[in-house]
Amino acid sequence: METELLRTFLEVHRMHSFTQAAENLSLTPSAVSARIRQLEGEIGRPVFRRSSQKVSLTAAGERLLRHAQGIVQAWERAQRAATEDDRTQIVVAGVASFWDIFLQEWLNRVYRELSGIAPWVEVSTAARVAEKLIQGEVHLGFLYSPPQHAGLVLREVERMELVLVSTRSGQDVEQTLARDYVFVNWGTVFSSQHDRHFPHRPPAAARSNSGQVALRLIQAAGGGAYLPLALVRRELEAGGLYRVEDAPVFGLHAYAAWSARAEQAELVERMLECL
């Protein structure tokens, strides 16, 4: 059985939704449904009850759940062990938008300067990063709102300004939100502030959890989005994008989280010095 089938099963169970699981896994809902059908075909029984309200486990699904997480974790540990050499493997996970803004440059520097490290890198949702940190599956995580969990060390590593930009000059906030606006999910805090400031905004033309995706989308088709100033500074200076001057600026805080008791804690500290 492919572990991807079990990962998909676990994500559908966690979200109680095929659609939300598909979004978190960067798949289409039909692809998630196909994986679950394949899993059920291999087991010979349905693992989920589907209803208009939510998705729940069948008795067979409950029994599978007891073993699925352990199987996936064991396989990931086996993969890492099989490729071990003299370098220390560190599992690093972060939300997609942080890789767009600053994590890729940091990882490049770590890879160049700390030769004894073999990074295993994951791009995931904030909820998944937090869950893996707590379970000990990730040595170092980067996210918006770190989990307040005993044993985890938290450090703010970046502060960013989110500004409203548009491909069209001279637009105000109302015009930008009304035409080809791409909503970027920068986390719960941003979404709450966004809703308070724009309670009657029209539905967004598109949505993404990646600033880079939103930027490329509006550059290709026109429109506006809330994006980090650091990400769009060159485009603003070159005249490819325009700042919507009457729009509020939102703050975005990036945190690093890791376990102080883990064997790799000292190495994680060295990695963070490269930020």
C-alpha atoms as a PDB file:
ATOM      1  CA  MET A   1       0.000   0.000   0.000  1.00  0.00           C
ATOM      2  CA  GLU A   2       1.349   3.463  -0.883  1.00  0.00           C
ATOM      3  CA  THR A   3       1.945   5.678   2.137  1.00  0.00           C
ATOM      4  CA  GLU A   4       0.403   8.574   0.195  1.00  0.00           C
ATOM      5  CA  LEU A   5      -2.951   6.807   0.476  1.00  0.00           C
ATOM      6  CA  LEU A   6      -2.584   6.689   4.260  1.00  0.00           C
ATOM      7  CA  ARG A   7      -1.434  10.314   4.403  1.00  0.00           C
ATOM      8  CA  THR A   8      -4.515  11.319   2.439  1.00  0.00           C
ATOM      9  CA  PHE A   9      -6.722   9.201   4.725  1.00  0.00           C
ATOM     10  CA  LEU A  10      -5.231  10.892   7.804  1.00  0.00           C
ATOM     11  CA  GLU A  11      -5.695  14.386   6.353  1.00  0.00           C
ATOM     12  CA  VAL A  12      -9.353  13.772   5.413  1.00  0.00           C
ATOM     13  CA  HIS A  13      -9.959  12.452   8.928  1.00  0.00           C
ATOM     14  CA  ARG A  14      -8.179  15.434  10.497  1.00  0.00           C
ATOM     15  CA  MET A  15     -10.154  18.003   8.482  1.00  0.00           C
ATOM     16  CA  HIS A  16     -13.467  16.021   8.278  1.00  0.00           C
ATOM     17  CA  SER A  17     -13.588  17.276   4.712  1.00  0.00           C
ATOM     18  CA  PHE A  18     -12.398  16.068   1.317  1.00  0.00           C
ATOM     19  CA  THR A  19     -12.269  19.646   0.012  1.00  0.00           C
ATOM     20  CA  GLN A  20     -10.183  21.000   2.884  1.00  0.00           C
ATOM     21  CA  ALA A  21      -7.891  17.974   2.791  1.00  0.00           C
ATOM     22  CA  ALA A  22      -7.376  18.553  -0.926  1.00  0.00           C
ATOM     23  CA  GLU A  23      -6.409  22.175  -0.304  1.00  0.00           C
ATOM     24  CA  ASN A  24      -3.949  21.218   2.442  1.00  0.00           C
ATOM     25  CA  LEU A  25      -2.386  18.505   0.280  1.00  0.00           C
ATOM     26  CA  SER A  26      -2.286  20.715  -2.843  1.00  0.00           C
ATOM     27  CA  LEU A  27      -4.527  18.263  -4.691  1.00  0.00           C
ATOM     28  CA  THR A  28      -7.910  18.480  -6.389  1.00  0.00           C
ATOM     29  CA  PRO A  29     -10.922  17.093  -4.470  1.00  0.00           C
ATOM     30  CA  SER A  30     -11.348  14.475  -7.207  1.00  0.00           C
ATOM     31  CA  ALA A  31      -7.746  13.321  -6.680  1.00  0.00           C
ATOM     32  CA  VAL A  32      -8.366  12.959  -2.943  1.00  0.00           C
ATOM     33  CA  SER A  33     -11.566  11.000  -3.627  1.00  0.00           C
ATOM     34  CA  ALA A  34      -9.671   8.730  -6.039  1.00  0.00           C
ATOM     35  CA  ARG A  35      -7.021   7.999  -3.420  1.00  0.00           C
ATOM     36  CA  ILE A  36      -9.637   7.157  -0.800  1.00  0.00           C
ATOM     37  CA  ARG A  37     -11.448   4.867  -3.260  1.00  0.00           C
ATOM     38  CA  GLN A  38      -8.152   3.116  -3.992  1.00  0.00           C
ATOM     39  CA  LEU A  39      -7.497   2.720  -0.260  1.00  0.00           C
ATOM     40  CA  GLU A  40     -10.990   1.335   0.302  1.00  0.00           C
ATOM     41  CA  GLY A  41     -10.471  -1.028  -2.629  1.00  0.00           C
ATOM     42  CA  GLU A  42      -7.298  -2.405  -1.063  1.00  0.00           C
ATOM     43  CA  ILE A  43      -8.946  -2.788   2.350  1.00  0.00           C
ATOM     44  CA  GLY A  44     -12.201  -4.099   0.928  1.00  0.00           C
ATOM     45  CA  ARG A  45     -14.382  -1.844   3.063  1.00  0.00           C
ATOM     46  CA  PRO A  46     -15.344   1.848   3.180  1.00  0.00           C
ATOM     47  CA  VAL A  47     -13.354   3.942   5.646  1.00  0.00           C
ATOM     48  CA  PHE A  48     -15.494   7.104   5.589  1.00  0.00           C
ATOM     49  CA  ARG A  49     -19.161   7.973   5.847  1.00  0.00           C
ATOM     50  CA  ARG A  50     -19.961  10.904   3.574  1.00  0.00           C
ATOM     51  CA  SER A  51     -22.781  13.302   4.424  1.00  0.00           C
ATOM     52  CA  SER A  52     -23.702  16.883   3.639  1.00  0.00           C
ATOM     53  CA  GLN A  53     -22.620  17.872   7.148  1.00  0.00           C
ATOM     54  CA  LYS A  54     -19.184  16.262   7.492  1.00  0.00           C
ATOM     55  CA  VAL A  55     -17.063  13.211   6.833  1.00  0.00           C
ATOM     56  CA  SER A  56     -16.745  10.634   9.616  1.00  0.00           C
ATOM     57  CA  LEU A  57     -14.969   7.310  10.061  1.00  0.00           C
ATOM     58  CA  THR A  58     -16.642   3.944   9.638  1.00  0.00           C
ATOM     59  CA  ALA A  59     -15.790   1.094  12.009  1.00  0.00           C
ATOM     60  CA  ALA A  60     -13.140  -0.066   9.527  1.00  0.00           C
ATOM     61  CA  GLY A  61     -11.793   3.483   9.358  1.00  0.00           C
ATOM     62  CA  GLU A  62     -11.535   3.637  13.151  1.00  0.00           C
ATOM     63  CA  ARG A  63      -9.483   0.442  13.167  1.00  0.00           C
ATOM     64  CA  LEU A  64      -7.256   1.709  10.359  1.00  0.00           C
ATOM     65  CA  LEU A  65      -6.675   4.990  12.175  1.00  0.00           C
ATOM     66  CA  ARG A  66      -5.023   3.168  15.084  1.00  0.00           C
ATOM     67  CA  HIS A  67      -2.224   2.036  12.791  1.00  0.00           C
ATOM     68  CA  ALA A  68      -2.053   4.558   9.930  1.00  0.00           C
ATOM     69  CA  GLN A  69      -0.146   7.301  11.744  1.00  0.00           C
ATOM     70  CA  GLY A  70       2.428   4.857  13.042  1.00  0.00           C
ATOM     71  CA  ILE A  71       2.926   3.355   9.588  1.00  0.00           C
ATOM     72  CA  VAL A  72       3.489   6.767   7.998  1.00  0.00           C
ATOM     73  CA  GLN A  73       5.887   7.880  10.732  1.00  0.00           C
ATOM     74  CA  ALA A  74       7.799   4.591  10.578  1.00  0.00           C
ATOM     75  CA  TRP A  75       8.179   4.914   6.813  1.00  0.00           C
ATOM     76  CA  GLU A  76       9.470   8.483   7.101  1.00  0.00           C
ATOM     77  CA  ARG A  77      11.998   7.396   9.733  1.00  0.00           C
ATOM     78  CA  ALA A  78      13.042   4.469   7.524  1.00  0.00           C
ATOM     79  CA  GLN A  79      13.551   6.786   4.546  1.00  0.00           C
ATOM     80  CA  ARG A  80      15.786   9.052   6.583  1.00  0.00           C
ATOM     81  CA  ALA A  81      17.735   6.155   8.088  1.00  0.00           C
ATOM     82  CA  ALA A  82      18.305   4.572   4.674  1.00  0.00           C
ATOM     83  CA  THR A  83      20.007   7.704   3.371  1.00  0.00           C
ATOM     84  CA  GLU A  84      22.075   8.499   6.438  1.00  0.00           C
ATOM     85  CA  ASP A  85      25.728   9.365   6.009  1.00  0.00           C
ATOM     86  CA  ASP A  86      28.117  11.457   8.103  1.00  0.00           C
ATOM     87  CA  ARG A  87      25.752  14.416   8.015  1.00  0.00           C
ATOM     88  CA  THR A  88      23.023  15.074  10.575  1.00  0.00           C
ATOM     89  CA  GLN A  89      19.527  15.088   9.131  1.00  0.00           C
ATOM     90  CA  ILE A  90      17.287  17.939  10.217  1.00  0.00           C
ATOM     91  CA  VAL A  91      13.613  18.046   9.225  1.00  0.00           C
ATOM     92  CA  VAL A  92      12.577  21.646   8.534  1.00  0.00           C
ATOM     93  CA  ALA A  93       8.977  22.627   7.785  1.00  0.00           C
ATOM     94  CA  GLY A  94       7.427  25.982   7.032  1.00  0.00           C
ATOM     95  CA  VAL A  95       4.314  27.528   5.571  1.00  0.00           C
ATOM     96  CA  ALA A  96       4.503  28.165   1.843  1.00  0.00           C
ATOM     97  CA  SER A  97       4.471  31.957   2.052  1.00  0.00           C
ATOM     98  CA  PHE A  98       7.574  32.088   4.254  1.00  0.00           C
ATOM     99  CA  TRP A  99       9.585  30.132   1.699  1.00  0.00           C
ATOM    100  CA  ASP A 100       8.550  32.765  -0.849  1.00  0.00           C
ATOM    101  CA  ILE A 101       9.764  35.627   1.326  1.00  0.00           C
ATOM    102  CA  PHE A 102      12.859  34.663   3.297  1.00  0.00           C
ATOM    103  CA  LEU A 103      13.228  30.950   4.102  1.00  0.00           C
ATOM    104  CA  GLN A 104      14.649  29.915   0.734  1.00  0.00           C
ATOM    105  CA  GLU A 105      17.559  32.346   1.061  1.00  0.00           C
ATOM    106  CA  TRP A 106      18.144  31.160   4.631  1.00  0.00           C
ATOM    107  CA  LEU A 107      18.121  27.499   3.563  1.00  0.00           C
ATOM    108  CA  ASN A 108      20.587  28.256   0.767  1.00  0.00           C
ATOM    109  CA  ARG A 109      22.964  29.792   3.292  1.00  0.00           C
ATOM    110  CA  VAL A 110      22.573  26.889   5.748  1.00  0.00           C
ATOM    111  CA  TYR A 111      23.239  24.414   2.947  1.00  0.00           C
ATOM    112  CA  ARG A 112      26.392  26.267   1.890  1.00  0.00           C
ATOM    113  CA  GLU A 113      27.875  27.095   5.284  1.00  0.00           C
ATOM    114  CA  LEU A 114      26.896  24.192   7.569  1.00  0.00           C
ATOM    115  CA  SER A 115      28.328  21.237   5.715  1.00  0.00           C
ATOM    116  CA  GLY A 116      27.454  18.715   8.426  1.00  0.00           C
ATOM    117  CA  ILE A 117      23.698  19.187   7.952  1.00  0.00           C
ATOM    118  CA  ALA A 118      21.421  17.275   5.588  1.00  0.00           C
ATOM    119  CA  PRO A 119      18.096  19.180   5.570  1.00  0.00           C
ATOM    120  CA  TRP A 120      14.791  17.436   4.846  1.00  0.00           C
ATOM    121  CA  VAL A 121      12.514  20.260   3.781  1.00  0.00           C
ATOM    122  CA  GLU A 122       8.715  20.383   3.833  1.00  0.00           C
ATOM    123  CA  VAL A 123       6.354  23.101   2.643  1.00  0.00           C
ATOM    124  CA  SER A 124       3.036  22.716   4.440  1.00  0.00           C
ATOM    125  CA  THR A 125       0.116  24.430   6.135  1.00  0.00           C
ATOM    126  CA  ALA A 126       0.488  26.148   9.507  1.00  0.00           C
ATOM    127  CA  ALA A 127      -1.733  23.543  11.189  1.00  0.00           C
ATOM    128  CA  ARG A 128       0.318  20.673   9.797  1.00  0.00           C
ATOM    129  CA  VAL A 129       3.638  22.272  10.781  1.00  0.00           C
ATOM    130  CA  ALA A 130       2.368  22.788  14.343  1.00  0.00           C
ATOM    131  CA  GLU A 131       1.056  19.233  14.547  1.00  0.00           C
ATOM    132  CA  LYS A 132       4.350  17.738  13.359  1.00  0.00           C
ATOM    133  CA  LEU A 133       6.340  19.899  15.787  1.00  0.00           C
ATOM    134  CA  ILE A 134       4.284  18.644  18.727  1.00  0.00           C
ATOM    135  CA  GLN A 135       4.579  15.044  17.553  1.00  0.00           C
ATOM    136  CA  GLY A 136       8.341  15.371  17.152  1.00  0.00           C
ATOM    137  CA  GLU A 137       8.280  14.711  13.397  1.00  0.00           C
ATOM    138  CA  VAL A 138       9.795  18.125  12.622  1.00  0.00           C
ATOM    139  CA  HIS A 139      12.977  19.444  14.233  1.00  0.00           C
ATOM    140  CA  LEU A 140      12.477  23.093  13.223  1.00  0.00           C
ATOM    141  CA  GLY A 141       9.243  24.745  12.121  1.00  0.00           C
ATOM    142  CA  PHE A 142       8.420  28.204  10.789  1.00  0.00           C
ATOM    143  CA  LEU A 143       4.860  29.508  11.040  1.00  0.00           C
ATOM    144  CA  TYR A 144       2.653  32.504  11.873  1.00  0.00           C
ATOM    145  CA  SER A 145       1.146  31.504  15.199  1.00  0.00           C
ATOM    146  CA  PRO A 146       3.348  28.920  16.913  1.00  0.00           C
ATOM    147  CA  PRO A 147       1.696  26.386  19.229  1.00  0.00           C
ATOM    148  CA  GLN A 148       1.921  27.195  22.916  1.00  0.00           C
ATOM    149  CA  HIS A 149       3.191  23.791  23.918  1.00  0.00           C
ATOM    150  CA  ALA A 150       5.441  22.779  26.810  1.00  0.00           C
ATOM    151  CA  GLY A 151       8.897  21.865  25.602  1.00  0.00           C
ATOM    152  CA  LEU A 152       8.859  24.016  22.468  1.00  0.00           C
ATOM    153  CA  VAL A 153      11.173  27.004  22.196  1.00  0.00           C
ATOM    154  CA  LEU A 154       9.722  29.942  20.251  1.00  0.00           C
ATOM    155  CA  ARG A 155      11.610  32.773  18.622  1.00  0.00           C
ATOM    156  CA  GLU A 156      10.355  35.611  16.436  1.00  0.00           C
ATOM    157  CA  VAL A 157      12.621  35.628  13.391  1.00  0.00           C
ATOM    158  CA  GLU A 158      10.999  38.053  10.969  1.00  0.00           C
ATOM    159  CA  ARG A 159       8.543  40.938  10.878  1.00  0.00           C
ATOM    160  CA  MET A 160       6.945  41.817   7.583  1.00  0.00           C
ATOM    161  CA  GLU A 161       4.590  44.494   6.313  1.00  0.00           C
ATOM    162  CA  LEU A 162       1.700  43.345   4.146  1.00  0.00           C
ATOM    163  CA  VAL A 163       0.683  46.075   1.707  1.00  0.00           C
ATOM    164  CA  LEU A 164      -2.125  46.195  -0.829  1.00  0.00           C
ATOM    165  CA  VAL A 165      -0.747  46.418  -4.355  1.00  0.00           C
ATOM    166  CA  SER A 166      -2.366  46.529  -7.777  1.00  0.00           C
ATOM    167  CA  THR A 167      -1.290  46.242 -11.388  1.00  0.00           C
ATOM    168  CA  ARG A 168      -3.426  49.322 -12.082  1.00  0.00           C
ATOM    169  CA  SER A 169      -2.277  52.785 -11.027  1.00  0.00           C
ATOM    170  CA  GLY A 170      -4.462  55.305  -9.213  1.00  0.00           C
ATOM    171  CA  GLN A 171      -6.869  52.810  -7.666  1.00  0.00           C
ATOM    172  CA  ASP A 172      -8.279  53.132  -4.169  1.00  0.00           C
ATOM    173  CA  VAL A 173      -9.056  50.266  -1.793  1.00  0.00           C
ATOM    174  CA  GLU A 174     -12.660  49.845  -2.891  1.00  0.00           C
ATOM    175  CA  GLN A 175     -11.721  49.647  -6.576  1.00  0.00           C
ATOM    176  CA  THR A 176      -8.886  47.182  -5.909  1.00  0.00           C
ATOM    177  CA  LEU A 177     -11.045  44.829  -3.856  1.00  0.00           C
ATOM    178  CA  ALA A 178     -13.884  44.994  -6.373  1.00  0.00           C
ATOM    179  CA  ARG A 179     -11.909  43.953  -9.449  1.00  0.00           C
ATOM    180  CA  ASP A 180      -9.661  40.882  -9.810  1.00  0.00           C
ATOM    181  CA  TYR A 181      -8.677  40.833  -6.147  1.00  0.00           C
ATOM    182  CA  VAL A 182      -6.640  37.780  -5.069  1.00  0.00           C
ATOM    183  CA  PHE A 183      -7.049  36.941  -1.392  1.00  0.00           C
ATOM    184  CA  VAL A 184      -3.901  35.485   0.148  1.00  0.00           C
ATOM    185  CA  ASN A 185      -4.397  33.492   3.325  1.00  0.00           C
ATOM    186  CA  TRP A 186      -1.631  34.845   5.553  1.00  0.00           C
ATOM    187  CA  GLY A 187      -2.994  33.090   8.631  1.00  0.00           C
ATOM    188  CA  THR A 188      -5.754  33.494  11.190  1.00  0.00           C
ATOM    189  CA  VAL A 189      -4.602  36.861  12.578  1.00  0.00           C
ATOM    190  CA  PHE A 190      -4.409  38.440   9.122  1.00  0.00           C
ATOM    191  CA  SER A 191      -7.760  36.988   8.061  1.00  0.00           C
ATOM    192  CA  SER A 192      -9.453  38.398  11.179  1.00  0.00           C
ATOM    193  CA  GLN A 193      -7.945  41.853  10.646  1.00  0.00           C
ATOM    194  CA  HIS A 194      -8.819  41.726   6.949  1.00  0.00           C
ATOM    195  CA  ASP A 195     -12.455  40.869   7.730  1.00  0.00           C
ATOM    196  CA  ARG A 196     -12.720  43.685  10.284  1.00  0.00           C
ATOM    197  CA  HIS A 197     -11.381  46.274   7.867  1.00  0.00           C
ATOM    198  CA  PHE A 198     -13.345  45.053   4.826  1.00  0.00           C
ATOM    199  CA  PRO A 199     -16.559  43.450   6.118  1.00  0.00           C
ATOM    200  CA  HIS A 200     -18.560  44.189   2.952  1.00  0.00           C
ATOM    201  CA  ARG A 201     -15.952  43.429   0.300  1.00  0.00           C
ATOM    202  CA  PRO A 202     -17.042  41.493  -2.806  1.00  0.00           C
ATOM    203  CA  PRO A 203     -15.931  37.840  -3.101  1.00  0.00           C
ATOM    204  CA  ALA A 204     -12.301  37.493  -4.163  1.00  0.00           C
ATOM    205  CA  ALA A 205     -11.639  36.537  -7.768  1.00  0.00           C
ATOM    206  CA  ALA A 206      -9.077  33.969  -6.600  1.00  0.00           C
ATOM    207  CA  ARG A 207      -7.510  32.668  -3.397  1.00  0.00           C
ATOM    208  CA  SER A 208      -4.087  31.279  -2.482  1.00  0.00           C
ATOM    209  CA  ASN A 209      -1.914  30.528   0.539  1.00  0.00           C
ATOM    210  CA  SER A 210       1.221  31.531  -1.391  1.00  0.00           C
ATOM    211  CA  GLY A 211       2.282  35.120  -1.934  1.00  0.00           C
ATOM    212  CA  GLN A 212       4.408  34.106  -4.910  1.00  0.00           C
ATOM    213  CA  VAL A 213       1.430  32.419  -6.597  1.00  0.00           C
ATOM    214  CA  ALA A 214      -0.764  35.497  -6.034  1.00  0.00           C
ATOM    215  CA  LEU A 215       1.960  37.809  -7.345  1.00  0.00           C
ATOM    216  CA  ARG A 216       2.427  35.803 -10.535  1.00  0.00           C
ATOM    217  CA  LEU A 217      -1.335  35.608 -10.997  1.00  0.00           C
ATOM    218  CA  ILE A 218      -1.952  39.351 -10.876  1.00  0.00           C
ATOM    219  CA  GLN A 219       1.110  40.025 -13.013  1.00  0.00           C
ATOM    220  CA  ALA A 220      -0.274  37.685 -15.674  1.00  0.00           C
ATOM    221  CA  ALA A 221      -3.939  38.678 -15.582  1.00  0.00           C
ATOM    222  CA  GLY A 222      -4.135  41.997 -13.689  1.00  0.00           C
ATOM    223  CA  GLY A 223      -5.554  42.694 -10.259  1.00  0.00           C
ATOM    224  CA  GLY A 224      -4.486  43.300  -6.683  1.00  0.00           C
ATOM    225  CA  ALA A 225      -3.442  41.447  -3.541  1.00  0.00           C
ATOM    226  CA  TYR A 226      -2.023  41.937  -0.064  1.00  0.00           C
ATOM    227  CA  LEU A 227       1.655  41.004  -0.369  1.00  0.00           C
ATOM    228  CA  PRO A 228       4.789  41.489   1.744  1.00  0.00           C
ATOM    229  CA  LEU A 229       6.591  44.720   0.945  1.00  0.00           C
ATOM    230  CA  ALA A 230       9.861  42.775   0.787  1.00  0.00           C
ATOM    231  CA  LEU A 231       8.400  40.552  -1.942  1.00  0.00           C
ATOM    232  CA  VAL A 232       7.115  43.347  -4.185  1.00  0.00           C
ATOM    233  CA  ARG A 233       9.603  46.161  -3.536  1.00  0.00           C
ATOM    234  CA  ARG A 234      11.416  45.730  -6.865  1.00  0.00           C
ATOM    235  CA  GLU A 235       8.156  45.566  -8.814  1.00  0.00           C
ATOM    236  CA  LEU A 236       6.949  48.742  -7.107  1.00  0.00           C
ATOM    237  CA  GLU A 237      10.203  50.565  -7.892  1.00  0.00           C
ATOM    238  CA  ALA A 238      10.127  49.370 -11.508  1.00  0.00           C
ATOM    239  CA  GLY A 239       6.520  50.480 -12.015  1.00  0.00           C
ATOM    240  CA  GLY A 240       5.160  46.999 -12.598  1.00  0.00           C
ATOM    241  CA  LEU A 241       2.973  47.281  -9.482  1.00  0.00           C
ATOM    242  CA  TYR A 242       1.397  50.201  -7.660  1.00  0.00           C
ATOM    243  CA  ARG A 243       0.820  50.693  -3.962  1.00  0.00           C
ATOM    244  CA  VAL A 244      -2.816  51.334  -2.982  1.00  0.00           C
ATOM    245  CA  GLU A 245      -2.084  54.311  -0.773  1.00  0.00           C
ATOM    246  CA  ASP A 246      -5.298  54.471   1.264  1.00  0.00           C
ATOM    247  CA  ALA A 247      -5.140  50.786   2.232  1.00  0.00           C
ATOM    248  CA  PRO A 248      -4.241  49.733   5.796  1.00  0.00           C
ATOM    249  CA  VAL A 249      -0.915  47.988   6.348  1.00  0.00           C
ATOM    250  CA  PHE A 250      -0.996  44.676   8.216  1.00  0.00           C
ATOM    251  CA  GLY A 251       1.888  43.221  10.205  1.00  0.00           C
ATOM    252  CA  LEU A 252       2.995  39.613   9.720  1.00  0.00           C
ATOM    253  CA  HIS A 253       5.234  37.917  12.279  1.00  0.00           C
ATOM    254  CA  ALA A 254       7.253  34.810  11.523  1.00  0.00           C
ATOM    255  CA  TYR A 255       8.264  32.476  14.352  1.00  0.00           C
ATOM    256  CA  ALA A 256      10.691  29.594  14.590  1.00  0.00           C
ATOM    257  CA  ALA A 257       9.768  26.734  16.919  1.00  0.00           C
ATOM    258  CA  TRP A 258      11.755  23.698  18.030  1.00  0.00           C
ATOM    259  CA  SER A 259      12.138  21.333  20.954  1.00  0.00           C
ATOM    260  CA  ALA A 260      14.784  22.335  23.495  1.00  0.00           C
ATOM    261  CA  ARG A 261      15.102  18.710  24.609  1.00  0.00           C
ATOM    262  CA  ALA A 262      15.753  17.234  21.166  1.00  0.00           C
ATOM    263  CA  GLU A 263      19.201  15.912  20.294  1.00  0.00           C
ATOM    264  CA  GLN A 264      19.355  18.385  17.400  1.00  0.00           C
ATOM    265  CA  ALA A 265      18.557  21.493  19.520  1.00  0.00           C
ATOM    266  CA  GLU A 266      22.131  22.810  19.467  1.00  0.00           C
ATOM    267  CA  LEU A 267      22.332  22.286  15.707  1.00  0.00           C
ATOM    268  CA  VAL A 268      19.016  24.079  15.233  1.00  0.00           C
ATOM    269  CA  GLU A 269      20.427  27.072  17.129  1.00  0.00           C
ATOM    270  CA  ARG A 270      23.392  27.144  14.749  1.00  0.00           C
ATOM    271  CA  MET A 271      21.054  27.030  11.768  1.00  0.00           C
ATOM    272  CA  LEU A 272      19.037  29.964  13.089  1.00  0.00           C
ATOM    273  CA  GLU A 273      22.206  32.028  13.363  1.00  0.00           C
ATOM    274  CA  CYS A 274      22.185  32.041   9.557  1.00  0.00           C
ATOM    275  CA  LEU A 275      18.939  34.015   9.486  1.00  0.00           C
END
